[in-house]
Amino acid sequence: MLTSRNLAPAVLAGAAVTYVAAPAFAVDLVNRDKVVREAVVNHSNGDSVVVTLKPGQRLGDICTACVILVGDSSIEASGRATAVIAGGKITVGG
Protein backbone atom coordinates (compact mmCIF):
# COMPACT_ATOMS: atom_id res chain seq x y z
CA MET A 1 0.00 0.00 0.00
CA LEU A 2 1.34 3.41 -0.95
CA THR A 3 1.33 6.05 1.73
CA SER A 4 2.44 9.66 1.62
CA ARG A 5 5.75 8.50 3.12
CA ASN A 6 6.65 6.08 0.31
CA LEU A 7 4.80 7.78 -2.56
CA ALA A 8 7.44 10.45 -3.24
CA PRO A 9 10.24 7.96 -4.11
CA ALA A 10 7.88 6.10 -6.44
CA VAL A 11 6.90 9.32 -8.22
CA LEU A 12 10.54 10.40 -8.55
CA ALA A 13 11.56 6.99 -9.88
CA GLY A 14 8.78 7.16 -12.48
CA ALA A 15 9.86 10.65 -13.54
CA ALA A 16 13.46 9.51 -13.90
CA VAL A 17 12.46 6.59 -16.11
CA THR A 18 10.34 8.88 -18.27
CA TYR A 19 13.20 11.35 -18.65
CA VAL A 20 15.75 8.67 -19.58
CA ALA A 21 13.38 7.08 -22.08
CA ALA A 22 12.62 10.35 -23.87
CA PRO A 23 13.99 10.27 -27.44
CA ALA A 24 16.93 12.47 -28.36
CA PHE A 25 16.46 14.41 -31.57
CA ALA A 26 19.22 13.90 -34.08
CA VAL A 27 20.43 15.39 -37.34
CA ASP A 28 20.27 13.43 -40.61
CA LEU A 29 22.68 13.94 -43.52
CA VAL A 30 21.65 13.36 -47.15
CA ASN A 31 23.77 13.42 -50.32
CA ARG A 32 21.56 14.54 -53.23
CA ASP A 33 24.53 14.77 -55.61
CA LYS A 34 25.30 12.12 -58.23
CA VAL A 35 28.87 11.77 -56.96
CA VAL A 36 30.46 10.59 -53.72
CA ARG A 37 30.87 13.40 -51.17
CA GLU A 38 32.87 13.70 -47.96
CA ALA A 39 31.63 15.69 -44.98
CA VAL A 40 33.37 16.63 -41.76
CA VAL A 41 31.07 16.46 -38.75
CA ASN A 42 32.29 18.51 -35.77
CA HIS A 43 30.33 17.39 -32.73
CA SER A 44 29.49 19.75 -29.87
CA ASN A 45 31.78 17.74 -27.55
CA GLY A 46 34.82 18.56 -29.72
CA ASP A 47 35.02 15.25 -31.62
CA SER A 48 35.39 15.35 -35.41
CA VAL A 49 34.42 12.62 -37.84
CA VAL A 50 34.83 12.40 -41.62
CA VAL A 51 31.96 10.59 -43.33
CA THR A 52 31.75 9.51 -46.96
CA LEU A 53 28.34 9.43 -48.61
CA LYS A 54 27.51 7.67 -51.85
CA PRO A 55 25.12 9.37 -54.30
CA GLY A 56 21.63 9.42 -52.79
CA GLN A 57 22.82 8.06 -49.45
CA ARG A 58 21.20 9.16 -46.18
CA LEU A 59 22.89 8.86 -42.79
CA GLY A 60 20.52 9.13 -39.86
CA ASP A 61 21.28 10.40 -36.39
CA ILE A 62 24.78 11.71 -37.11
CA CYS A 63 24.67 14.19 -34.21
CA THR A 64 22.38 16.02 -31.81
CA ALA A 65 24.20 19.33 -32.33
CA CYS A 66 27.12 19.82 -34.72
CA VAL A 67 28.82 21.81 -37.46
CA ILE A 68 29.01 20.03 -40.82
CA LEU A 69 31.53 21.04 -43.48
CA VAL A 70 31.39 20.04 -47.15
CA GLY A 71 33.93 21.64 -49.47
CA ASP A 72 34.01 25.34 -48.66
CA SER A 73 30.50 25.43 -47.13
CA SER A 74 29.39 24.73 -43.57
CA ILE A 75 26.23 24.72 -41.47
CA GLU A 76 25.25 24.41 -37.84
CA ALA A 77 22.58 21.79 -37.24
CA SER A 78 20.70 20.44 -34.26
CA GLY A 79 17.45 18.76 -33.30
CA ARG A 80 15.44 17.19 -36.09
CA ALA A 81 17.30 19.00 -38.87
CA THR A 82 18.22 17.40 -42.17
CA ALA A 83 21.53 18.52 -43.65
CA VAL A 84 21.51 18.27 -47.44
CA ILE A 85 24.47 18.06 -49.80
CA ALA A 86 23.57 19.38 -53.26
CA GLY A 87 25.87 20.87 -55.86
CA GLY A 88 28.84 20.22 -53.59
CA LYS A 89 27.40 22.54 -50.90
CA ILE A 90 25.80 21.79 -47.54
CA THR A 91 22.51 23.38 -46.48
CA VAL A 92 19.86 22.74 -43.84
CA GLY A 93 16.45 21.85 -45.16
CA GLY A 94 14.30 19.34 -46.91
PDB file of N, CA and C in Angstrom:
ATOM      1  N   MET A   1       0.833  -1.179   0.000  1.00  0.00           N
ATOM      2  CA  MET A   1       0.000   0.000   0.000  1.00  0.00           C
ATOM      3  C   MET A   1       0.880   1.246   0.000  1.00  0.00           C
ATOM      4  N   LEU A   2       0.584   2.175  -0.890  1.00  0.00           N
ATOM      5  CA  LEU A   2       1.341   3.415  -0.952  1.00  0.00           C
ATOM      6  C   LEU A   2       0.797   4.408   0.053  1.00  0.00           C
ATOM      7  N   THR A   3       1.701   4.995   0.786  1.00  0.00           N
ATOM      8  CA  THR A   3       1.331   6.048   1.726  1.00  0.00           C
ATOM      9  C   THR A   3       2.060   7.306   1.311  1.00  0.00           C
ATOM     10  N   SER A   4       1.753   8.423   1.960  1.00  0.00           N
ATOM     11  CA  SER A   4       2.443   9.664   1.623  1.00  0.00           C
ATOM     12  C   SER A   4       3.937   9.550   1.884  1.00  0.00           C
ATOM     13  N   ARG A   5       4.338   8.673   2.790  1.00  0.00           N
ATOM     14  CA  ARG A   5       5.751   8.500   3.122  1.00  0.00           C
ATOM     15  C   ARG A   5       6.513   7.810   1.989  1.00  0.00           C
ATOM     16  N   ASN A   6       5.923   6.807   1.359  1.00  0.00           N
ATOM     17  CA  ASN A   6       6.650   6.082   0.311  1.00  0.00           C
ATOM     18  C   ASN A   6       6.196   6.451  -1.095  1.00  0.00           C
ATOM     19  N   LEU A   7       5.267   7.365  -1.244  1.00  0.00           N
ATOM     20  CA  LEU A   7       4.797   7.783  -2.562  1.00  0.00           C
ATOM     21  C   LEU A   7       5.823   8.647  -3.293  1.00  0.00           C
ATOM     22  N   ALA A   8       6.481   9.547  -2.596  1.00  0.00           N
ATOM     23  CA  ALA A   8       7.442  10.449  -3.240  1.00  0.00           C
ATOM     24  C   ALA A   8       8.553   9.702  -3.961  1.00  0.00           C
ATOM     25  N   PRO A   9       9.198   8.695  -3.361  1.00  0.00           N
ATOM     26  CA  PRO A   9      10.237   7.964  -4.108  1.00  0.00           C
ATOM     27  C   PRO A   9       9.691   7.284  -5.360  1.00  0.00           C
ATOM     28  N   ALA A  10       8.473   6.767  -5.272  1.00  0.00           N
ATOM     29  CA  ALA A  10       7.883   6.103  -6.438  1.00  0.00           C
ATOM     30  C   ALA A  10       7.639   7.100  -7.563  1.00  0.00           C
ATOM     31  N   VAL A  11       7.146   8.284  -7.219  1.00  0.00           N
ATOM     32  CA  VAL A  11       6.902   9.317  -8.223  1.00  0.00           C
ATOM     33  C   VAL A  11       8.214   9.764  -8.841  1.00  0.00           C
ATOM     34  N   LEU A  12       9.238   9.990  -8.032  1.00  0.00           N
ATOM     35  CA  LEU A  12      10.545  10.399  -8.549  1.00  0.00           C
ATOM     36  C   LEU A  12      11.147   9.327  -9.443  1.00  0.00           C
ATOM     37  N   ALA A  13      11.022   8.075  -9.061  1.00  0.00           N
ATOM     38  CA  ALA A  13      11.556   6.991  -9.883  1.00  0.00           C
ATOM     39  C   ALA A  13      10.848   6.953 -11.227  1.00  0.00           C
ATOM     40  N   GLY A  14       9.528   7.133 -11.229  1.00  0.00           N
ATOM     41  CA  GLY A  14       8.776   7.160 -12.479  1.00  0.00           C
ATOM     42  C   GLY A  14       9.185   8.321 -13.356  1.00  0.00           C
ATOM     43  N   ALA A  15       9.421   9.480 -12.777  1.00  0.00           N
ATOM     44  CA  ALA A  15       9.858  10.646 -13.544  1.00  0.00           C
ATOM     45  C   ALA A  15      11.230  10.413 -14.141  1.00  0.00           C
ATOM     46  N   ALA A  16      12.117   9.781 -13.398  1.00  0.00           N
ATOM     47  CA  ALA A  16      13.465   9.506 -13.901  1.00  0.00           C
ATOM     48  C   ALA A  16      13.412   8.550 -15.084  1.00  0.00           C
ATOM     49  N   VAL A  17      12.586   7.535 -15.003  1.00  0.00           N
ATOM     50  CA  VAL A  17      12.463   6.585 -16.109  1.00  0.00           C
ATOM     51  C   VAL A  17      11.897   7.286 -17.332  1.00  0.00           C
ATOM     52  N   THR A  18      10.919   8.145 -17.152  1.00  0.00           N
ATOM     53  CA  THR A  18      10.339   8.881 -18.267  1.00  0.00           C
ATOM     54  C   THR A  18      11.379   9.779 -18.919  1.00  0.00           C
ATOM     55  N   TYR A  19      12.181  10.460 -18.114  1.00  0.00           N
ATOM     56  CA  TYR A  19      13.200  11.350 -18.647  1.00  0.00           C
ATOM     57  C   TYR A  19      14.242  10.573 -19.436  1.00  0.00           C
ATOM     58  N   VAL A  20      14.719   9.464 -18.907  1.00  0.00           N
ATOM     59  CA  VAL A  20      15.746   8.669 -19.577  1.00  0.00           C
ATOM     60  C   VAL A  20      15.213   8.073 -20.872  1.00  0.00           C
ATOM     61  N   ALA A  21      13.958   7.721 -20.900  1.00  0.00           N
ATOM     62  CA  ALA A  21      13.381   7.076 -22.076  1.00  0.00           C
ATOM     63  C   ALA A  21      12.981   8.069 -23.166  1.00  0.00           C
ATOM     64  N   ALA A  22      13.010   9.353 -22.872  1.00  0.00           N
ATOM     65  CA  ALA A  22      12.625  10.346 -23.871  1.00  0.00           C
ATOM     66  C   ALA A  22      13.600  10.317 -25.045  1.00  0.00           C
ATOM     67  N   PRO A  23      13.104  10.348 -26.281  1.00  0.00           N
ATOM     68  CA  PRO A  23      13.989  10.268 -27.437  1.00  0.00           C
ATOM     69  C   PRO A  23      14.823  11.536 -27.620  1.00  0.00           C
ATOM     70  N   ALA A  24      16.062  11.336 -28.029  1.00  0.00           N
ATOM     71  CA  ALA A  24      16.928  12.471 -28.361  1.00  0.00           C
ATOM     72  C   ALA A  24      16.733  12.778 -29.844  1.00  0.00           C
ATOM     73  N   PHE A  25      16.602  14.034 -30.184  1.00  0.00           N
ATOM     74  CA  PHE A  25      16.460  14.407 -31.574  1.00  0.00           C
ATOM     75  C   PHE A  25      17.837  14.423 -32.207  1.00  0.00           C
ATOM     76  N   ALA A  26      17.925  13.991 -33.430  1.00  0.00           N
ATOM     77  CA  ALA A  26      19.219  13.903 -34.077  1.00  0.00           C
ATOM     78  C   ALA A  26      19.153  14.379 -35.520  1.00  0.00           C
ATOM     79  N   VAL A  27      20.285  14.840 -35.998  1.00  0.00           N
ATOM     80  CA  VAL A  27      20.427  15.390 -37.343  1.00  0.00           C
ATOM     81  C   VAL A  27      20.670  14.261 -38.345  1.00  0.00           C
ATOM     82  N   ASP A  28      20.032  14.346 -39.498  1.00  0.00           N
ATOM     83  CA  ASP A  28      20.272  13.426 -40.609  1.00  0.00           C
ATOM     84  C   ASP A  28      21.097  14.156 -41.666  1.00  0.00           C
ATOM     85  N   LEU A  29      21.861  13.392 -42.439  1.00  0.00           N
ATOM     86  CA  LEU A  29      22.681  13.941 -43.515  1.00  0.00           C
ATOM     87  C   LEU A  29      22.364  13.194 -44.803  1.00  0.00           C
ATOM     88  N   VAL A  30      22.048  13.950 -45.871  1.00  0.00           N
ATOM     89  CA  VAL A  30      21.650  13.362 -47.154  1.00  0.00           C
ATOM     90  C   VAL A  30      22.545  13.906 -48.259  1.00  0.00           C
ATOM     91  N   ASN A  31      23.015  13.008 -49.143  1.00  0.00           N
ATOM     92  CA  ASN A  31      23.774  13.420 -50.320  1.00  0.00           C
ATOM     93  C   ASN A  31      22.862  13.350 -51.545  1.00  0.00           C
ATOM     94  N   ARG A  32      22.429  14.493 -52.053  1.00  0.00           N
ATOM     95  CA  ARG A  32      21.562  14.537 -53.234  1.00  0.00           C
ATOM     96  C   ARG A  32      22.365  14.624 -54.531  1.00  0.00           C
ATOM     97  N   ASP A  33      23.687  14.714 -54.417  1.00  0.00           N
ATOM     98  CA  ASP A  33      24.529  14.769 -55.612  1.00  0.00           C
ATOM     99  C   ASP A  33      24.661  13.389 -56.249  1.00  0.00           C
ATOM    100  N   LYS A  34      25.117  13.386 -57.494  1.00  0.00           N
ATOM    101  CA  LYS A  34      25.299  12.124 -58.226  1.00  0.00           C
ATOM    102  C   LYS A  34      26.726  11.611 -58.121  1.00  0.00           C
ATOM    103  N   VAL A  35      27.492  12.199 -57.206  1.00  0.00           N
ATOM    104  CA  VAL A  35      28.873  11.766 -56.959  1.00  0.00           C
ATOM    105  C   VAL A  35      29.068  11.561 -55.462  1.00  0.00           C
ATOM    106  N   VAL A  36      30.109  10.815 -55.124  1.00  0.00           N
ATOM    107  CA  VAL A  36      30.460  10.594 -53.724  1.00  0.00           C
ATOM    108  C   VAL A  36      30.915  11.915 -53.110  1.00  0.00           C
ATOM    109  N   ARG A  37      30.481  12.185 -51.887  1.00  0.00           N
ATOM    110  CA  ARG A  37      30.871  13.401 -51.172  1.00  0.00           C
ATOM    111  C   ARG A  37      31.396  13.038 -49.788  1.00  0.00           C
ATOM    112  N   GLU A  38      32.367  13.825 -49.320  1.00  0.00           N
ATOM    113  CA  GLU A  38      32.867  13.697 -47.958  1.00  0.00           C
ATOM    114  C   GLU A  38      32.385  14.887 -47.147  1.00  0.00           C
ATOM    115  N   ALA A  39      32.051  14.627 -45.897  1.00  0.00           N
ATOM    116  CA  ALA A  39      31.632  15.688 -44.985  1.00  0.00           C
ATOM    117  C   ALA A  39      32.393  15.526 -43.682  1.00  0.00           C
ATOM    118  N   VAL A  40      32.757  16.643 -43.084  1.00  0.00           N
ATOM    119  CA  VAL A  40      33.370  16.633 -41.762  1.00  0.00           C
ATOM    120  C   VAL A  40      32.292  17.041 -40.770  1.00  0.00           C
ATOM    121  N   VAL A  41      32.074  16.193 -39.777  1.00  0.00           N
ATOM    122  CA  VAL A  41      31.073  16.462 -38.746  1.00  0.00           C
ATOM    123  C   VAL A  41      31.812  16.800 -37.457  1.00  0.00           C
ATOM    124  N   ASN A  42      31.684  18.052 -37.029  1.00  0.00           N
ATOM    125  CA  ASN A  42      32.293  18.508 -35.773  1.00  0.00           C
ATOM    126  C   ASN A  42      31.217  18.499 -34.699  1.00  0.00           C
ATOM    127  N   HIS A  43      31.320  17.546 -33.791  1.00  0.00           N
ATOM    128  CA  HIS A  43      30.331  17.390 -32.729  1.00  0.00           C
ATOM    129  C   HIS A  43      30.514  18.452 -31.649  1.00  0.00           C
ATOM    130  N   SER A  44      29.462  18.718 -30.911  1.00  0.00           N
ATOM    131  CA  SER A  44      29.495  19.749 -29.872  1.00  0.00           C
ATOM    132  C   SER A  44      30.455  19.403 -28.737  1.00  0.00           C
ATOM    133  N   ASN A  45      30.835  18.132 -28.607  1.00  0.00           N
ATOM    134  CA  ASN A  45      31.780  17.744 -27.553  1.00  0.00           C
ATOM    135  C   ASN A  45      33.237  17.870 -27.999  1.00  0.00           C
ATOM    136  N   GLY A  46      33.463  18.359 -29.215  1.00  0.00           N
ATOM    137  CA  GLY A  46      34.818  18.556 -29.717  1.00  0.00           C
ATOM    138  C   GLY A  46      35.317  17.460 -30.645  1.00  0.00           C
ATOM    139  N   ASP A  47      34.617  16.334 -30.713  1.00  0.00           N
ATOM    140  CA  ASP A  47      35.018  15.246 -31.615  1.00  0.00           C
ATOM    141  C   ASP A  47      34.719  15.623 -33.061  1.00  0.00           C
ATOM    142  N   SER A  48      35.576  15.140 -33.971  1.00  0.00           N
ATOM    143  CA  SER A  48      35.388  15.349 -35.407  1.00  0.00           C
ATOM    144  C   SER A  48      35.402  14.004 -36.116  1.00  0.00           C
ATOM    145  N   VAL A  49      34.507  13.855 -37.080  1.00  0.00           N
ATOM    146  CA  VAL A  49      34.419  12.615 -37.842  1.00  0.00           C
ATOM    147  C   VAL A  49      34.278  12.971 -39.316  1.00  0.00           C
ATOM    148  N   VAL A  50      34.996  12.253 -40.176  1.00  0.00           N
ATOM    149  CA  VAL A  50      34.835  12.403 -41.624  1.00  0.00           C
ATOM    150  C   VAL A  50      33.944  11.258 -42.095  1.00  0.00           C
ATOM    151  N   VAL A  51      32.860  11.612 -42.789  1.00  0.00           N
ATOM    152  CA  VAL A  51      31.962  10.591 -43.335  1.00  0.00           C
ATOM    153  C   VAL A  51      31.949  10.710 -44.851  1.00  0.00           C
ATOM    154  N   THR A  52      31.834   9.572 -45.505  1.00  0.00           N
ATOM    155  CA  THR A  52      31.746   9.515 -46.964  1.00  0.00           C
ATOM    156  C   THR A  52      30.354   9.031 -47.328  1.00  0.00           C
ATOM    157  N   LEU A  53      29.695   9.790 -48.188  1.00  0.00           N
ATOM    158  CA  LEU A  53      28.338   9.430 -48.611  1.00  0.00           C
ATOM    159  C   LEU A  53      28.309   9.146 -50.099  1.00  0.00           C
ATOM    160  N   LYS A  54      27.725   8.025 -50.453  1.00  0.00           N
ATOM    161  CA  LYS A  54      27.513   7.674 -51.853  1.00  0.00           C
ATOM    162  C   LYS A  54      26.369   8.531 -52.402  1.00  0.00           C
ATOM    163  N   PRO A  55      26.239   8.614 -53.722  1.00  0.00           N
ATOM    164  CA  PRO A  55      25.123   9.366 -54.303  1.00  0.00           C
ATOM    165  C   PRO A  55      23.780   8.862 -53.759  1.00  0.00           C
ATOM    166  N   GLY A  56      22.951   9.785 -53.295  1.00  0.00           N
ATOM    167  CA  GLY A  56      21.633   9.425 -52.785  1.00  0.00           C
ATOM    168  C   GLY A  56      21.614   8.845 -51.381  1.00  0.00           C
ATOM    169  N   GLN A  57      22.762   8.675 -50.771  1.00  0.00           N
ATOM    170  CA  GLN A  57      22.817   8.057 -49.451  1.00  0.00           C
ATOM    171  C   GLN A  57      22.337   9.000 -48.356  1.00  0.00           C
ATOM    172  N   ARG A  58      21.681   8.421 -47.350  1.00  0.00           N
ATOM    173  CA  ARG A  58      21.203   9.156 -46.181  1.00  0.00           C
ATOM    174  C   ARG A  58      21.789   8.504 -44.935  1.00  0.00           C
ATOM    175  N   LEU A  59      22.401   9.329 -44.083  1.00  0.00           N
ATOM    176  CA  LEU A  59      22.888   8.865 -42.790  1.00  0.00           C
ATOM    177  C   LEU A  59      22.007   9.480 -41.715  1.00  0.00           C
ATOM    178  N   GLY A  60      21.393   8.645 -40.923  1.00  0.00           N
ATOM    179  CA  GLY A  60      20.517   9.127 -39.865  1.00  0.00           C
ATOM    180  C   GLY A  60      21.249   9.286 -38.552  1.00  0.00           C
ATOM    181  N   ASP A  61      20.788  10.227 -37.762  1.00  0.00           N
ATOM    182  CA  ASP A  61      21.280  10.405 -36.395  1.00  0.00           C
ATOM    183  C   ASP A  61      22.790  10.605 -36.321  1.00  0.00           C
ATOM    184  N   ILE A  62      23.325  11.509 -37.126  1.00  0.00           N
ATOM    185  CA  ILE A  62      24.777  11.713 -37.113  1.00  0.00           C
ATOM    186  C   ILE A  62      25.237  12.553 -35.934  1.00  0.00           C
ATOM    187  N   CYS A  63      24.324  13.380 -35.378  1.00  0.00           N
ATOM    188  CA  CYS A  63      24.666  14.186 -34.207  1.00  0.00           C
ATOM    189  C   CYS A  63      23.389  14.767 -33.615  1.00  0.00           C
ATOM    190  N   THR A  64      23.508  15.280 -32.391  1.00  0.00           N
ATOM    191  CA  THR A  64      22.384  16.015 -31.810  1.00  0.00           C
ATOM    192  C   THR A  64      22.575  17.514 -32.010  1.00  0.00           C
ATOM    193  N   ALA A  65      23.841  17.935 -32.038  1.00  0.00           N
ATOM    194  CA  ALA A  65      24.200  19.331 -32.334  1.00  0.00           C
ATOM    195  C   ALA A  65      25.615  19.320 -32.889  1.00  0.00           C
ATOM    196  N   CYS A  66      25.804  19.887 -34.095  1.00  0.00           N
ATOM    197  CA  CYS A  66      27.123  19.818 -34.718  1.00  0.00           C
ATOM    198  C   CYS A  66      27.273  20.881 -35.799  1.00  0.00           C
ATOM    199  N   VAL A  67      28.504  21.013 -36.276  1.00  0.00           N
ATOM    200  CA  VAL A  67      28.816  21.815 -37.455  1.00  0.00           C
ATOM    201  C   VAL A  67      29.254  20.818 -38.523  1.00  0.00           C
ATOM    202  N   ILE A  68      28.681  20.945 -39.717  1.00  0.00           N
ATOM    203  CA  ILE A  68      29.015  20.033 -40.818  1.00  0.00           C
ATOM    204  C   ILE A  68      29.652  20.843 -41.932  1.00  0.00           C
ATOM    205  N   LEU A  69      30.803  20.366 -42.405  1.00  0.00           N
ATOM    206  CA  LEU A  69      31.527  21.035 -43.479  1.00  0.00           C
ATOM    207  C   LEU A  69      31.570  20.139 -44.709  1.00  0.00           C
ATOM    208  N   VAL A  70      31.272  20.724 -45.867  1.00  0.00           N
ATOM    209  CA  VAL A  70      31.392  20.042 -47.155  1.00  0.00           C
ATOM    210  C   VAL A  70      32.036  21.039 -48.095  1.00  0.00           C
ATOM    211  N   GLY A  71      33.214  20.704 -48.609  1.00  0.00           N
ATOM    212  CA  GLY A  71      33.933  21.636 -49.472  1.00  0.00           C
ATOM    213  C   GLY A  71      34.201  22.923 -48.732  1.00  0.00           C
ATOM    214  N   ASP A  72      33.793  24.049 -49.315  1.00  0.00           N
ATOM    215  CA  ASP A  72      34.009  25.345 -48.657  1.00  0.00           C
ATOM    216  C   ASP A  72      32.734  25.881 -47.990  1.00  0.00           C
ATOM    217  N   SER A  73      31.740  25.006 -47.788  1.00  0.00           N
ATOM    218  CA  SER A  73      30.504  25.432 -47.130  1.00  0.00           C
ATOM    219  C   SER A  73      30.342  24.707 -45.791  1.00  0.00           C
ATOM    220  N   SER A  74      29.638  25.352 -44.871  1.00  0.00           N
ATOM    221  CA  SER A  74      29.394  24.730 -43.571  1.00  0.00           C
ATOM    222  C   SER A  74      28.052  25.196 -43.023  1.00  0.00           C
ATOM    223  N   ILE A  75      27.497  24.371 -42.132  1.00  0.00           N
ATOM    224  CA  ILE A  75      26.234  24.717 -41.472  1.00  0.00           C
ATOM    225  C   ILE A  75      26.308  24.263 -40.027  1.00  0.00           C
ATOM    226  N   GLU A  76      25.478  24.880 -39.192  1.00  0.00           N
ATOM    227  CA  GLU A  76      25.247  24.408 -37.838  1.00  0.00           C
ATOM    228  C   GLU A  76      23.896  23.712 -37.848  1.00  0.00           C
ATOM    229  N   ALA A  77      23.832  22.533 -37.249  1.00  0.00           N
ATOM    230  CA  ALA A  77      22.583  21.788 -37.243  1.00  0.00           C
ATOM    231  C   ALA A  77      22.341  21.182 -35.867  1.00  0.00           C
ATOM    232  N   SER A  78      21.065  21.085 -35.514  1.00  0.00           N
ATOM    233  CA  SER A  78      20.697  20.441 -34.255  1.00  0.00           C
ATOM    234  C   SER A  78      19.240  20.011 -34.335  1.00  0.00           C
ATOM    235  N   GLY A  79      18.834  19.219 -33.364  1.00  0.00           N
ATOM    236  CA  GLY A  79      17.447  18.764 -33.305  1.00  0.00           C
ATOM    237  C   GLY A  79      17.095  17.834 -34.436  1.00  0.00           C
ATOM    238  N   ARG A  80      15.942  18.062 -35.014  1.00  0.00           N
ATOM    239  CA  ARG A  80      15.439  17.187 -36.090  1.00  0.00           C
ATOM    240  C   ARG A  80      15.840  17.672 -37.479  1.00  0.00           C
ATOM    241  N   ALA A  81      16.882  18.432 -37.584  1.00  0.00           N
ATOM    242  CA  ALA A  81      17.296  19.002 -38.871  1.00  0.00           C
ATOM    243  C   ALA A  81      17.776  17.921 -39.829  1.00  0.00           C
ATOM    244  N   THR A  82      17.632  18.229 -41.118  1.00  0.00           N
ATOM    245  CA  THR A  82      18.216  17.403 -42.166  1.00  0.00           C
ATOM    246  C   THR A  82      19.218  18.272 -42.911  1.00  0.00           C
ATOM    247  N   ALA A  83      20.468  17.828 -42.905  1.00  0.00           N
ATOM    248  CA  ALA A  83      21.526  18.517 -43.646  1.00  0.00           C
ATOM    249  C   ALA A  83      21.589  17.894 -45.031  1.00  0.00           C
ATOM    250  N   VAL A  84      21.588  18.750 -46.062  1.00  0.00           N
ATOM    251  CA  VAL A  84      21.506  18.265 -47.442  1.00  0.00           C
ATOM    252  C   VAL A  84      22.734  18.716 -48.221  1.00  0.00           C
ATOM    253  N   ILE A  85      23.373  17.752 -48.883  1.00  0.00           N
ATOM    254  CA  ILE A  85      24.475  18.059 -49.797  1.00  0.00           C
ATOM    255  C   ILE A  85      23.890  18.086 -51.207  1.00  0.00           C
ATOM    256  N   ALA A  86      24.043  19.225 -51.885  1.00  0.00           N
ATOM    257  CA  ALA A  86      23.565  19.377 -53.261  1.00  0.00           C
ATOM    258  C   ALA A  86      24.486  20.370 -53.962  1.00  0.00           C
ATOM    259  N   GLY A  87      24.961  19.994 -55.124  1.00  0.00           N
ATOM    260  CA  GLY A  87      25.866  20.866 -55.861  1.00  0.00           C
ATOM    261  C   GLY A  87      27.177  21.088 -55.132  1.00  0.00           C
ATOM    262  N   GLY A  88      27.574  20.118 -54.331  1.00  0.00           N
ATOM    263  CA  GLY A  88      28.836  20.222 -53.590  1.00  0.00           C
ATOM    264  C   GLY A  88      28.773  21.142 -52.393  1.00  0.00           C
ATOM    265  N   LYS A  89      27.586  21.630 -52.045  1.00  0.00           N
ATOM    266  CA  LYS A  89      27.398  22.535 -50.899  1.00  0.00           C
ATOM    267  C   LYS A  89      26.494  21.886 -49.866  1.00  0.00           C
ATOM    268  N   ILE A  90      26.647  22.297 -48.616  1.00  0.00           N
ATOM    269  CA  ILE A  90      25.803  21.790 -47.542  1.00  0.00           C
ATOM    270  C   ILE A  90      24.809  22.870 -47.119  1.00  0.00           C
ATOM    271  N   THR A  91      23.554  22.479 -46.961  1.00  0.00           N
ATOM    272  CA  THR A  91      22.507  23.377 -46.475  1.00  0.00           C
ATOM    273  C   THR A  91      21.648  22.622 -45.475  1.00  0.00           C
ATOM    274  N   VAL A  92      20.830  23.357 -44.745  1.00  0.00           N
ATOM    275  CA  VAL A  92      19.857  22.741 -43.843  1.00  0.00           C
ATOM    276  C   VAL A  92      18.499  22.895 -44.489  1.00  0.00           C
ATOM    277  N   GLY A  93      17.791  21.782 -44.584  1.00  0.00           N
ATOM    278  CA  GLY A  93      16.449  21.850 -45.161  1.00  0.00           C
ATOM    279  C   GLY A  93      16.061  20.546 -45.796  1.00  0.00           C
ATOM    280  N   GLY A  94      14.874  20.546 -46.338  1.00  0.00           N
ATOM    281  CA  GLY A  94      14.304  19.339 -46.911  1.00  0.00           C
ATOM    282  C   GLY A  94      14.823  19.049 -48.259  1.00  0.00           C
TER     283      GLY A  94
END
